[in-house]
Amino acid sequence: FGRKVLDISKEDLKESLQHQLAAFAAIVKEEQGYWHHIKPH
């Protein structure tokens, strides 16, 4: 549940974060929402 620090490379972390946010951004646009903030977990 994201509550353990991962031993993950910079590249893998960047790829994962950008994949998560790209998916979120696409859905916000499709649903005509307003994206107010980002909060890391």
PDB file of all heavy atoms in Angstrom:
ATOM      1  N   PHE A   1       0.828  -1.204   0.000  1.00  0.00           N
ATOM      2  CA  PHE A   1       0.000   0.000   0.000  1.00  0.00           C
ATOM      3  C   PHE A   1       0.867   1.262   0.000  1.00  0.00           C
ATOM      4  O   PHE A   1       0.501   2.294   0.546  1.00  0.00           O
ATOM      5  CB  PHE A   1      -0.948  -0.003   1.204  1.00  0.00           C
ATOM      6  CG  PHE A   1      -2.132   0.918   1.070  1.00  0.00           C
ATOM      7  CD1 PHE A   1      -3.095   0.700   0.100  1.00  0.00           C
ATOM      8  CD2 PHE A   1      -2.285   2.006   1.905  1.00  0.00           C
ATOM      9  CE1 PHE A   1      -4.188   1.549  -0.031  1.00  0.00           C
ATOM     10  CE2 PHE A   1      -3.385   2.864   1.778  1.00  0.00           C
ATOM     11  CZ  PHE A   1      -4.328   2.629   0.804  1.00  0.00           C
ATOM     12  N   GLY A   2       2.033   1.164  -0.613  1.00  0.00           N
ATOM     13  CA  GLY A   2       2.901   2.332  -0.720  1.00  0.00           C
ATOM     14  C   GLY A   2       3.489   2.819   0.583  1.00  0.00           C
ATOM     15  O   GLY A   2       3.993   3.946   0.655  1.00  0.00           O
ATOM     16  N   ARG A   3       3.440   1.991   1.612  1.00  0.00           N
ATOM     17  CA  ARG A   3       3.909   2.428   2.926  1.00  0.00           C
ATOM     18  C   ARG A   3       5.260   1.825   3.320  1.00  0.00           C
ATOM     19  O   ARG A   3       5.640   1.815   4.480  1.00  0.00           O
ATOM     20  CB  ARG A   3       2.841   2.103   3.985  1.00  0.00           C
ATOM     21  CG  ARG A   3       1.643   3.054   3.855  1.00  0.00           C
ATOM     22  CD  ARG A   3       0.546   2.794   4.839  1.00  0.00           C
ATOM     23  NE  ARG A   3      -0.472   3.847   4.736  1.00  0.00           N
ATOM     24  CZ  ARG A   3      -1.728   3.710   5.118  1.00  0.00           C
ATOM     25  NH1 ARG A   3      -2.144   2.565   5.647  1.00  0.00           N
ATOM     26  NH2 ARG A   3      -2.578   4.702   4.985  1.00  0.00           N
ATOM     27  N   LYS A   4       5.988   1.366   2.316  1.00  0.00           N
ATOM     28  CA  LYS A   4       7.331   0.837   2.523  1.00  0.00           C
ATOM     29  C   LYS A   4       8.265   1.530   1.541  1.00  0.00           C
ATOM     30  O   LYS A   4       7.950   1.653   0.356  1.00  0.00           O
ATOM     31  CB  LYS A   4       7.339  -0.680   2.274  1.00  0.00           C
ATOM     32  CG  LYS A   4       8.693  -1.328   2.390  1.00  0.00           C
ATOM     33  CD  LYS A   4       8.601  -2.825   2.086  1.00  0.00           C
ATOM     34  CE  LYS A   4       9.968  -3.483   2.142  1.00  0.00           C
ATOM     35  NZ  LYS A   4       9.888  -4.936   1.815  1.00  0.00           N
ATOM     36  N   VAL A   5       9.404   2.017   2.026  1.00  0.00           N
ATOM     37  CA  VAL A   5      10.370   2.661   1.146  1.00  0.00           C
ATOM     38  C   VAL A   5      10.942   1.615   0.193  1.00  0.00           C
ATOM     39  O   VAL A   5      11.441   0.571   0.628  1.00  0.00           O
ATOM     40  CB  VAL A   5      11.504   3.327   1.951  1.00  0.00           C
ATOM     41  CG1 VAL A   5      12.568   3.870   1.007  1.00  0.00           C
ATOM     42  CG2 VAL A   5      10.952   4.455   2.815  1.00  0.00           C
ATOM     43  N   LEU A   6      10.875   1.895  -1.102  1.00  0.00           N
ATOM     44  CA  LEU A   6      11.366   0.952  -2.096  1.00  0.00           C
ATOM     45  C   LEU A   6      12.797   1.281  -2.502  1.00  0.00           C
ATOM     46  O   LEU A   6      13.167   2.458  -2.616  1.00  0.00           O
ATOM     47  CB  LEU A   6      10.492   0.993  -3.347  1.00  0.00           C
ATOM     48  CG  LEU A   6       9.077   0.438  -3.285  1.00  0.00           C
ATOM     49  CD1 LEU A   6       8.495   0.365  -4.693  1.00  0.00           C
ATOM     50  CD2 LEU A   6       9.032  -0.935  -2.632  1.00  0.00           C
ATOM     51  N   ASP A   7      13.567   0.243  -2.738  1.00  0.00           N
ATOM     52  CA  ASP A   7      14.889   0.397  -3.335  1.00  0.00           C
ATOM     53  C   ASP A   7      14.678   0.390  -4.844  1.00  0.00           C
ATOM     54  O   ASP A   7      14.679  -0.660  -5.485  1.00  0.00           O
ATOM     55  CB  ASP A   7      15.799  -0.748  -2.901  1.00  0.00           C
ATOM     56  CG  ASP A   7      17.216  -0.605  -3.438  1.00  0.00           C
ATOM     57  OD1 ASP A   7      17.531   0.488  -3.976  1.00  0.00           O
ATOM     58  OD2 ASP A   7      17.989  -1.569  -3.348  1.00  0.00           O
ATOM     59  N   ILE A   8      14.470   1.565  -5.391  1.00  0.00           N
ATOM     60  CA  ILE A   8      14.087   1.698  -6.794  1.00  0.00           C
ATOM     61  C   ILE A   8      14.983   2.732  -7.450  1.00  0.00           C
ATOM     62  O   ILE A   8      15.347   3.734  -6.825  1.00  0.00           O
ATOM     63  CB  ILE A   8      12.592   2.089  -6.891  1.00  0.00           C
ATOM     64  CG1 ILE A   8      12.110   2.142  -8.340  1.00  0.00           C
ATOM     65  CG2 ILE A   8      12.300   3.401  -6.178  1.00  0.00           C
ATOM     66  CD1 ILE A   8      10.598   2.347  -8.475  1.00  0.00           C
ATOM     67  N   SER A   9      15.365   2.492  -8.698  1.00  0.00           N
ATOM     68  CA  SER A   9      16.254   3.423  -9.390  1.00  0.00           C
ATOM     69  C   SER A   9      15.529   4.726  -9.706  1.00  0.00           C
ATOM     70  O   SER A   9      14.291   4.786  -9.767  1.00  0.00           O
ATOM     71  CB  SER A   9      16.760   2.797 -10.691  1.00  0.00           C
ATOM     72  OG  SER A   9      15.713   2.697 -11.640  1.00  0.00           O
ATOM     73  N   LYS A  10      16.308   5.765  -9.921  1.00  0.00           N
ATOM     74  CA  LYS A  10      15.746   7.065 -10.297  1.00  0.00           C
ATOM     75  C   LYS A  10      14.907   6.930 -11.559  1.00  0.00           C
ATOM     76  O   LYS A  10      13.805   7.485 -11.652  1.00  0.00           O
ATOM     77  CB  LYS A  10      16.874   8.068 -10.517  1.00  0.00           C
ATOM     78  CG  LYS A  10      16.414   9.417 -11.066  1.00  0.00           C
ATOM     79  CD  LYS A  10      17.595  10.338 -11.335  1.00  0.00           C
ATOM     80  CE  LYS A  10      17.132  11.648 -11.973  1.00  0.00           C
ATOM     81  NZ  LYS A  10      18.280  12.559 -12.252  1.00  0.00           N
ATOM     82  N   GLU A  11      15.414   6.172 -12.524  1.00  0.00           N
ATOM     83  CA  GLU A  11      14.716   6.021 -13.798  1.00  0.00           C
ATOM     84  C   GLU A  11      13.388   5.292 -13.624  1.00  0.00           C
ATOM     85  O   GLU A  11      12.360   5.690 -14.200  1.00  0.00           O
ATOM     86  CB  GLU A  11      15.605   5.271 -14.795  1.00  0.00           C
ATOM     87  CG  GLU A  11      16.840   6.037 -15.253  1.00  0.00           C
ATOM     88  CD  GLU A  11      17.940   6.095 -14.187  1.00  0.00           C
ATOM     89  OE1 GLU A  11      17.922   5.235 -13.262  1.00  0.00           O
ATOM     90  OE2 GLU A  11      18.789   7.000 -14.274  1.00  0.00           O
ATOM     91  N   ASP A  12      13.386   4.232 -12.819  1.00  0.00           N
ATOM     92  CA  ASP A  12      12.160   3.465 -12.620  1.00  0.00           C
ATOM     93  C   ASP A  12      11.124   4.266 -11.836  1.00  0.00           C
ATOM     94  O   ASP A  12       9.924   4.193 -12.119  1.00  0.00           O
ATOM     95  CB  ASP A  12      12.459   2.147 -11.904  1.00  0.00           C
ATOM     96  CG  ASP A  12      13.146   1.132 -12.805  1.00  0.00           C
ATOM     97  OD1 ASP A  12      13.147   1.343 -14.040  1.00  0.00           O
ATOM     98  OD2 ASP A  12      13.690   0.141 -12.279  1.00  0.00           O
ATOM     99  N   LEU A  13      11.589   5.028 -10.844  1.00  0.00           N
ATOM    100  CA  LEU A  13      10.664   5.851 -10.079  1.00  0.00           C
ATOM    101  C   LEU A  13      10.063   6.935 -10.970  1.00  0.00           C
ATOM    102  O   LEU A  13       8.850   7.169 -10.948  1.00  0.00           O
ATOM    103  CB  LEU A  13      11.371   6.487  -8.879  1.00  0.00           C
ATOM    104  CG  LEU A  13      10.502   7.410  -8.020  1.00  0.00           C
ATOM    105  CD1 LEU A  13       9.311   6.658  -7.424  1.00  0.00           C
ATOM    106  CD2 LEU A  13      11.326   8.063  -6.900  1.00  0.00           C
ATOM    107  N   LYS A  14      10.912   7.581 -11.762  1.00  0.00           N
ATOM    108  CA  LYS A  14      10.425   8.632 -12.663  1.00  0.00           C
ATOM    109  C   LYS A  14       9.408   8.074 -13.646  1.00  0.00           C
ATOM    110  O   LYS A  14       8.344   8.674 -13.874  1.00  0.00           O
ATOM    111  CB  LYS A  14      11.602   9.258 -13.420  1.00  0.00           C
ATOM    112  CG  LYS A  14      11.197  10.378 -14.361  1.00  0.00           C
ATOM    113  CD  LYS A  14      12.424  11.000 -15.031  1.00  0.00           C
ATOM    114  CE  LYS A  14      12.022  12.146 -15.959  1.00  0.00           C
ATOM    115  NZ  LYS A  14      13.215  12.778 -16.595  1.00  0.00           N
ATOM    116  N   GLU A  15       9.717   6.908 -14.216  1.00  0.00           N
ATOM    117  CA  GLU A  15       8.799   6.298 -15.185  1.00  0.00           C
ATOM    118  C   GLU A  15       7.455   5.987 -14.537  1.00  0.00           C
ATOM    119  O   GLU A  15       6.388   6.234 -15.128  1.00  0.00           O
ATOM    120  CB  GLU A  15       9.414   5.020 -15.750  1.00  0.00           C
ATOM    121  CG  GLU A  15       8.530   4.325 -16.775  1.00  0.00           C
ATOM    122  CD  GLU A  15       9.145   3.037 -17.301  1.00  0.00           C
ATOM    123  OE1 GLU A  15      10.292   2.710 -16.925  1.00  0.00           O
ATOM    124  OE2 GLU A  15       8.476   2.345 -18.090  1.00  0.00           O
ATOM    125  N   SER A  16       7.489   5.444 -13.319  1.00  0.00           N
ATOM    126  CA  SER A  16       6.251   5.100 -12.630  1.00  0.00           C
ATOM    127  C   SER A  16       5.431   6.348 -12.310  1.00  0.00           C
ATOM    128  O   SER A  16       4.222   6.393 -12.562  1.00  0.00           O
ATOM    129  CB  SER A  16       6.546   4.333 -11.337  1.00  0.00           C
ATOM    130  OG  SER A  16       5.352   4.107 -10.618  1.00  0.00           O
ATOM    131  N   LEU A  17       6.075   7.368 -11.752  1.00  0.00           N
ATOM    132  CA  LEU A  17       5.352   8.591 -11.385  1.00  0.00           C
ATOM    133  C   LEU A  17       4.738   9.258 -12.612  1.00  0.00           C
ATOM    134  O   LEU A  17       3.585   9.699 -12.583  1.00  0.00           O
ATOM    135  CB  LEU A  17       6.299   9.557 -10.669  1.00  0.00           C
ATOM    136  CG  LEU A  17       6.761   9.142  -9.270  1.00  0.00           C
ATOM    137  CD1 LEU A  17       7.869  10.070  -8.783  1.00  0.00           C
ATOM    138  CD2 LEU A  17       5.599   9.144  -8.287  1.00  0.00           C
ATOM    139  N   GLN A  18       5.509   9.317 -13.684  1.00  0.00           N
ATOM    140  CA  GLN A  18       4.988   9.973 -14.875  1.00  0.00           C
ATOM    141  C   GLN A  18       3.868   9.155 -15.510  1.00  0.00           C
ATOM    142  O   GLN A  18       2.921   9.720 -16.068  1.00  0.00           O
ATOM    143  CB  GLN A  18       6.122  10.239 -15.870  1.00  0.00           C
ATOM    144  CG  GLN A  18       7.090  11.295 -15.357  1.00  0.00           C
ATOM    145  CD  GLN A  18       8.099  11.750 -16.382  1.00  0.00           C
ATOM    146  OE1 GLN A  18       8.415  11.031 -17.325  1.00  0.00           O
ATOM    147  NE2 GLN A  18       8.633  12.945 -16.196  1.00  0.00           N
ATOM    148  N   HIS A  19       3.946   7.840 -15.416  1.00  0.00           N
ATOM    149  CA  HIS A  19       2.863   6.985 -15.915  1.00  0.00           C
ATOM    150  C   HIS A  19       1.593   7.221 -15.103  1.00  0.00           C
ATOM    151  O   HIS A  19       0.492   7.350 -15.665  1.00  0.00           O
ATOM    152  CB  HIS A  19       3.277   5.520 -15.843  1.00  0.00           C
ATOM    153  CG  HIS A  19       2.202   4.569 -16.265  1.00  0.00           C
ATOM    154  ND1 HIS A  19       1.871   4.358 -17.588  1.00  0.00           N
ATOM    155  CD2 HIS A  19       1.358   3.782 -15.543  1.00  0.00           C
ATOM    156  CE1 HIS A  19       0.882   3.478 -17.666  1.00  0.00           C
ATOM    157  NE2 HIS A  19       0.553   3.116 -16.444  1.00  0.00           N
ATOM    158  N   GLN A  20       1.742   7.283 -13.769  1.00  0.00           N
ATOM    159  CA  GLN A  20       0.582   7.534 -12.908  1.00  0.00           C
ATOM    160  C   GLN A  20      -0.067   8.878 -13.220  1.00  0.00           C
ATOM    161  O   GLN A  20      -1.292   8.991 -13.342  1.00  0.00           O
ATOM    162  CB  GLN A  20       1.006   7.498 -11.434  1.00  0.00           C
ATOM    163  CG  GLN A  20       1.443   6.131 -10.922  1.00  0.00           C
ATOM    164  CD  GLN A  20       1.979   6.210  -9.507  1.00  0.00           C
ATOM    165  OE1 GLN A  20       1.311   6.702  -8.604  1.00  0.00           O
ATOM    166  NE2 GLN A  20       3.194   5.723  -9.288  1.00  0.00           N
ATOM    167  N   LEU A  21       0.773   9.904 -13.360  1.00  0.00           N
ATOM    168  CA  LEU A  21       0.238  11.249 -13.562  1.00  0.00           C
ATOM    169  C   LEU A  21      -0.297  11.449 -14.974  1.00  0.00           C
ATOM    170  O   LEU A  21      -1.266  12.192 -15.179  1.00  0.00           O
ATOM    171  CB  LEU A  21       1.298  12.293 -13.230  1.00  0.00           C
ATOM    172  CG  LEU A  21       1.701  12.334 -11.754  1.00  0.00           C
ATOM    173  CD1 LEU A  21       2.810  13.355 -11.529  1.00  0.00           C
ATOM    174  CD2 LEU A  21       0.513  12.654 -10.862  1.00  0.00           C
ATOM    175  N   ALA A  22       0.304  10.791 -15.958  1.00  0.00           N
ATOM    176  CA  ALA A  22      -0.210  10.886 -17.322  1.00  0.00           C
ATOM    177  C   ALA A  22      -1.607  10.276 -17.407  1.00  0.00           C
ATOM    178  O   ALA A  22      -2.506  10.838 -18.062  1.00  0.00           O
ATOM    179  CB  ALA A  22       0.741  10.190 -18.294  1.00  0.00           C
ATOM    180  N   ALA A  23      -1.793   9.141 -16.753  1.00  0.00           N
ATOM    181  CA  ALA A  23      -3.116   8.504 -16.737  1.00  0.00           C
ATOM    182  C   ALA A  23      -4.134   9.411 -16.039  1.00  0.00           C
ATOM    183  O   ALA A  23      -5.258   9.585 -16.518  1.00  0.00           O
ATOM    184  CB  ALA A  23      -3.033   7.145 -16.042  1.00  0.00           C
ATOM    185  N   PHE A  24      -3.715   9.993 -14.935  1.00  0.00           N
ATOM    186  CA  PHE A  24      -4.601  10.894 -14.190  1.00  0.00           C
ATOM    187  C   PHE A  24      -4.957  12.118 -15.037  1.00  0.00           C
ATOM    188  O   PHE A  24      -6.122  12.516 -15.121  1.00  0.00           O
ATOM    189  CB  PHE A  24      -3.915  11.314 -12.895  1.00  0.00           C
ATOM    190  CG  PHE A  24      -4.783  12.103 -11.958  1.00  0.00           C
ATOM    191  CD1 PHE A  24      -5.648  11.469 -11.091  1.00  0.00           C
ATOM    192  CD2 PHE A  24      -4.732  13.492 -11.938  1.00  0.00           C
ATOM    193  CE1 PHE A  24      -6.455  12.192 -10.219  1.00  0.00           C
ATOM    194  CE2 PHE A  24      -5.527  14.225 -11.079  1.00  0.00           C
ATOM    195  CZ  PHE A  24      -6.396  13.570 -10.211  1.00  0.00           C
ATOM    196  N   ALA A  25      -3.952  12.706 -15.676  1.00  0.00           N
ATOM    197  CA  ALA A  25      -4.172  13.907 -16.486  1.00  0.00           C
ATOM    198  C   ALA A  25      -5.143  13.635 -17.628  1.00  0.00           C
ATOM    199  O   ALA A  25      -6.016  14.467 -17.938  1.00  0.00           O
ATOM    200  CB  ALA A  25      -2.843  14.416 -17.037  1.00  0.00           C
ATOM    201  N   ALA A  26      -4.996  12.481 -18.258  1.00  0.00           N
ATOM    202  CA  ALA A  26      -5.874  12.149 -19.376  1.00  0.00           C
ATOM    203  C   ALA A  26      -7.324  12.038 -18.921  1.00  0.00           C
ATOM    204  O   ALA A  26      -8.241  12.519 -19.605  1.00  0.00           O
ATOM    205  CB  ALA A  26      -5.412  10.841 -20.020  1.00  0.00           C
ATOM    206  N   ILE A  27      -7.530  11.431 -17.770  1.00  0.00           N
ATOM    207  CA  ILE A  27      -8.895  11.254 -17.264  1.00  0.00           C
ATOM    208  C   ILE A  27      -9.483  12.584 -16.806  1.00  0.00           C
ATOM    209  O   ILE A  27     -10.657  12.878 -17.050  1.00  0.00           O
ATOM    210  CB  ILE A  27      -8.912  10.204 -16.143  1.00  0.00           C
ATOM    211  CG1 ILE A  27      -8.545   8.836 -16.714  1.00  0.00           C
ATOM    212  CG2 ILE A  27     -10.284  10.135 -15.464  1.00  0.00           C
ATOM    213  CD1 ILE A  27      -8.277   7.770 -15.673  1.00  0.00           C
ATOM    214  N   VAL A  28      -8.677  13.412 -16.150  1.00  0.00           N
ATOM    215  CA  VAL A  28      -9.149  14.741 -15.756  1.00  0.00           C
ATOM    216  C   VAL A  28      -9.612  15.528 -16.986  1.00  0.00           C
ATOM    217  O   VAL A  28     -10.665  16.173 -16.975  1.00  0.00           O
ATOM    218  CB  VAL A  28      -8.045  15.522 -15.014  1.00  0.00           C
ATOM    219  CG1 VAL A  28      -8.444  16.980 -14.820  1.00  0.00           C
ATOM    220  CG2 VAL A  28      -7.766  14.896 -13.649  1.00  0.00           C
ATOM    221  N   LYS A  29      -8.839  15.446 -18.066  1.00  0.00           N
ATOM    222  CA  LYS A  29      -9.196  16.162 -19.291  1.00  0.00           C
ATOM    223  C   LYS A  29     -10.480  15.605 -19.895  1.00  0.00           C
ATOM    224  O   LYS A  29     -11.386  16.357 -20.257  1.00  0.00           O
ATOM    225  CB  LYS A  29      -8.053  16.056 -20.300  1.00  0.00           C
ATOM    226  CG  LYS A  29      -8.293  16.852 -21.570  1.00  0.00           C
ATOM    227  CD  LYS A  29      -7.086  16.785 -22.496  1.00  0.00           C
ATOM    228  CE  LYS A  29      -7.327  17.602 -23.762  1.00  0.00           C
ATOM    229  NZ  LYS A  29      -6.144  17.552 -24.676  1.00  0.00           N
ATOM    230  N   GLU A  30     -10.573  14.275 -19.959  1.00  0.00           N
ATOM    231  CA  GLU A  30     -11.764  13.642 -20.538  1.00  0.00           C
ATOM    232  C   GLU A  30     -13.023  13.981 -19.733  1.00  0.00           C
ATOM    233  O   GLU A  30     -14.111  14.156 -20.305  1.00  0.00           O
ATOM    234  CB  GLU A  30     -11.576  12.130 -20.588  1.00  0.00           C
ATOM    235  CG  GLU A  30     -10.559  11.668 -21.617  1.00  0.00           C
ATOM    236  CD  GLU A  30     -10.180  10.207 -21.432  1.00  0.00           C
ATOM    237  OE1 GLU A  30     -10.872   9.509 -20.643  1.00  0.00           O
ATOM    238  OE2 GLU A  30      -9.214   9.756 -22.067  1.00  0.00           O
ATOM    239  N   GLU A  31     -12.876  14.060 -18.415  1.00  0.00           N
ATOM    240  CA  GLU A  31     -14.024  14.310 -17.541  1.00  0.00           C
ATOM    241  C   GLU A  31     -14.250  15.797 -17.283  1.00  0.00           C
ATOM    242  O   GLU A  31     -15.117  16.171 -16.493  1.00  0.00           O
ATOM    243  CB  GLU A  31     -13.823  13.576 -16.208  1.00  0.00           C
ATOM    244  CG  GLU A  31     -13.762  12.064 -16.319  1.00  0.00           C
ATOM    245  CD  GLU A  31     -15.074  11.453 -16.781  1.00  0.00           C
ATOM    246  OE1 GLU A  31     -16.144  12.045 -16.492  1.00  0.00           O
ATOM    247  OE2 GLU A  31     -15.037  10.397 -17.425  1.00  0.00           O
ATOM    248  N   GLN A  32     -13.434  16.630 -17.933  1.00  0.00           N
ATOM    249  CA  GLN A  32     -13.555  18.089 -17.812  1.00  0.00           C
ATOM    250  C   GLN A  32     -13.478  18.541 -16.344  1.00  0.00           C
ATOM    251  O   GLN A  32     -14.260  19.370 -15.875  1.00  0.00           O
ATOM    252  CB  GLN A  32     -14.856  18.579 -18.464  1.00  0.00           C
ATOM    253  CG  GLN A  32     -14.916  18.289 -19.956  1.00  0.00           C
ATOM    254  CD  GLN A  32     -16.177  18.810 -20.602  1.00  0.00           C
ATOM    255  OE1 GLN A  32     -17.261  18.748 -20.035  1.00  0.00           O
ATOM    256  NE2 GLN A  32     -16.050  19.349 -21.811  1.00  0.00           N
ATOM    257  N   GLY A  33     -12.498  17.958 -15.651  1.00  0.00           N
ATOM    258  CA  GLY A  33     -12.253  18.343 -14.261  1.00  0.00           C
ATOM    259  C   GLY A  33     -11.175  19.408 -14.171  1.00  0.00           C
ATOM    260  O   GLY A  33     -10.510  19.727 -15.154  1.00  0.00           O
ATOM    261  N   TYR A  34     -11.015  19.951 -12.983  1.00  0.00           N
ATOM    262  CA  TYR A  34      -9.955  20.939 -12.739  1.00  0.00           C
ATOM    263  C   TYR A  34      -8.964  20.323 -11.754  1.00  0.00           C
ATOM    264  O   TYR A  34      -9.316  19.960 -10.628  1.00  0.00           O
ATOM    265  CB  TYR A  34     -10.528  22.234 -12.161  1.00  0.00           C
ATOM    266  CG  TYR A  34      -9.451  23.226 -11.773  1.00  0.00           C
ATOM    267  CD1 TYR A  34      -8.752  23.927 -12.751  1.00  0.00           C
ATOM    268  CD2 TYR A  34      -9.108  23.427 -10.438  1.00  0.00           C
ATOM    269  CE1 TYR A  34      -7.749  24.814 -12.418  1.00  0.00           C
ATOM    270  CE2 TYR A  34      -8.101  24.315 -10.089  1.00  0.00           C
ATOM    271  CZ  TYR A  34      -7.427  25.010 -11.085  1.00  0.00           C
ATOM    272  OH  TYR A  34      -6.418  25.870 -10.739  1.00  0.00           O
ATOM    273  N   TRP A  35      -7.713  20.204 -12.204  1.00  0.00           N
ATOM    274  CA  TRP A  35      -6.656  19.583 -11.400  1.00  0.00           C
ATOM    275  C   TRP A  35      -6.061  20.647 -10.486  1.00  0.00           C
ATOM    276  O   TRP A  35      -5.407  21.572 -10.942  1.00  0.00           O
ATOM    277  CB  TRP A  35      -5.615  18.999 -12.331  1.00  0.00           C
ATOM    278  CG  TRP A  35      -4.566  18.162 -11.683  1.00  0.00           C
ATOM    279  CD1 TRP A  35      -4.290  18.035 -10.360  1.00  0.00           C
ATOM    280  CD2 TRP A  35      -3.629  17.326 -12.363  1.00  0.00           C
ATOM    281  NE1 TRP A  35      -3.244  17.168 -10.154  1.00  0.00           N
ATOM    282  CE2 TRP A  35      -2.822  16.715 -11.368  1.00  0.00           C
ATOM    283  CE3 TRP A  35      -3.383  17.024 -13.697  1.00  0.00           C
ATOM    284  CZ2 TRP A  35      -1.784  15.830 -11.692  1.00  0.00           C
ATOM    285  CZ3 TRP A  35      -2.357  16.142 -14.013  1.00  0.00           C
ATOM    286  CH2 TRP A  35      -1.570  15.546 -13.025  1.00  0.00           C
ATOM    287  N   HIS A  36      -6.269  20.491  -9.184  1.00  0.00           N
ATOM    288  CA  HIS A  36      -5.868  21.510  -8.221  1.00  0.00           C
ATOM    289  C   HIS A  36      -4.499  21.265  -7.607  1.00  0.00           C
ATOM    290  O   HIS A  36      -3.749  22.211  -7.355  1.00  0.00           O
ATOM    291  CB  HIS A  36      -6.919  21.581  -7.104  1.00  0.00           C
ATOM    292  CG  HIS A  36      -6.597  22.530  -5.987  1.00  0.00           C
ATOM    293  ND1 HIS A  36      -6.016  22.128  -4.793  1.00  0.00           N
ATOM    294  CD2 HIS A  36      -6.765  23.876  -5.884  1.00  0.00           C
ATOM    295  CE1 HIS A  36      -5.855  23.174  -4.012  1.00  0.00           C
ATOM    296  NE2 HIS A  36      -6.292  24.239  -4.640  1.00  0.00           N
ATOM    297  N   HIS A  37      -4.134  19.982  -7.336  1.00  0.00           N
ATOM    298  CA  HIS A  37      -2.899  19.728  -6.600  1.00  0.00           C
ATOM    299  C   HIS A  37      -2.366  18.319  -6.815  1.00  0.00           C
ATOM    300  O   HIS A  37      -3.059  17.448  -7.348  1.00  0.00           O
ATOM    301  CB  HIS A  37      -3.112  19.955  -5.096  1.00  0.00           C
ATOM    302  CG  HIS A  37      -4.088  19.007  -4.469  1.00  0.00           C
ATOM    303  ND1 HIS A  37      -5.450  19.230  -4.473  1.00  0.00           N
ATOM    304  CD2 HIS A  37      -3.924  17.820  -3.815  1.00  0.00           C
ATOM    305  CE1 HIS A  37      -6.066  18.248  -3.851  1.00  0.00           C
ATOM    306  NE2 HIS A  37      -5.164  17.368  -3.454  1.00  0.00           N
ATOM    307  N   ILE A  38      -1.134  18.128  -6.381  1.00  0.00           N
ATOM    308  CA  ILE A  38      -0.493  16.808  -6.300  1.00  0.00           C
ATOM    309  C   ILE A  38      -0.060  16.602  -4.863  1.00  0.00           C
ATOM    310  O   ILE A  38       0.558  17.487  -4.257  1.00  0.00           O
ATOM    311  CB  ILE A  38       0.731  16.706  -7.230  1.00  0.00           C
ATOM    312  CG1 ILE A  38       0.317  16.835  -8.702  1.00  0.00           C
ATOM    313  CG2 ILE A  38       1.479  15.388  -7.002  1.00  0.00           C
ATOM    314  CD1 ILE A  38       1.492  16.935  -9.658  1.00  0.00           C
ATOM    315  N   LYS A  39      -0.384  15.440  -4.326  1.00  0.00           N
ATOM    316  CA  LYS A  39       0.076  15.081  -2.988  1.00  0.00           C
ATOM    317  C   LYS A  39       0.736  13.705  -3.047  1.00  0.00           C
ATOM    318  O   LYS A  39       0.066  12.709  -3.328  1.00  0.00           O
ATOM    319  CB  LYS A  39      -1.087  15.041  -1.990  1.00  0.00           C
ATOM    320  CG  LYS A  39      -0.661  14.506  -0.610  1.00  0.00           C
ATOM    321  CD  LYS A  39      -1.840  14.369   0.328  1.00  0.00           C
ATOM    322  CE  LYS A  39      -1.440  13.587   1.585  1.00  0.00           C
ATOM    323  NZ  LYS A  39      -2.542  13.480   2.558  1.00  0.00           N
ATOM    324  N   PRO A  40       2.047  13.621  -2.829  1.00  0.00           N
ATOM    325  CA  PRO A  40       2.687  12.307  -2.814  1.00  0.00           C
ATOM    326  C   PRO A  40       2.135  11.448  -1.677  1.00  0.00           C
ATOM    327  O   PRO A  40       1.635  11.957  -0.674  1.00  0.00           O
ATOM    328  CB  PRO A  40       4.169  12.627  -2.609  1.00  0.00           C
ATOM    329  CG  PRO A  40       4.198  14.020  -2.066  1.00  0.00           C
ATOM    330  CD  PRO A  40       2.986  14.718  -2.578  1.00  0.00           C
ATOM    331  N   HIS A  41       2.240  10.139  -1.857  1.00  0.00           N
ATOM    332  CA  HIS A  41       1.620   9.212  -0.916  1.00  0.00           C
ATOM    333  C   HIS A  41       2.646   8.510  -0.016  1.00  0.00           C
ATOM    334  O   HIS A  41       3.749   8.176  -0.444  1.00  0.00           O
ATOM    335  CB  HIS A  41       0.844   8.133  -1.680  1.00  0.00           C
ATOM    336  CG  HIS A  41       0.393   6.989  -0.820  1.00  0.00           C
ATOM    337  ND1 HIS A  41      -0.701   7.072   0.015  1.00  0.00           N
ATOM    338  CD2 HIS A  41       0.909   5.750  -0.630  1.00  0.00           C
ATOM    339  CE1 HIS A  41      -0.860   5.938   0.665  1.00  0.00           C
ATOM    340  NE2 HIS A  41       0.105   5.112   0.296  1.00  0.00           N
TER     341      HIS A  41
END
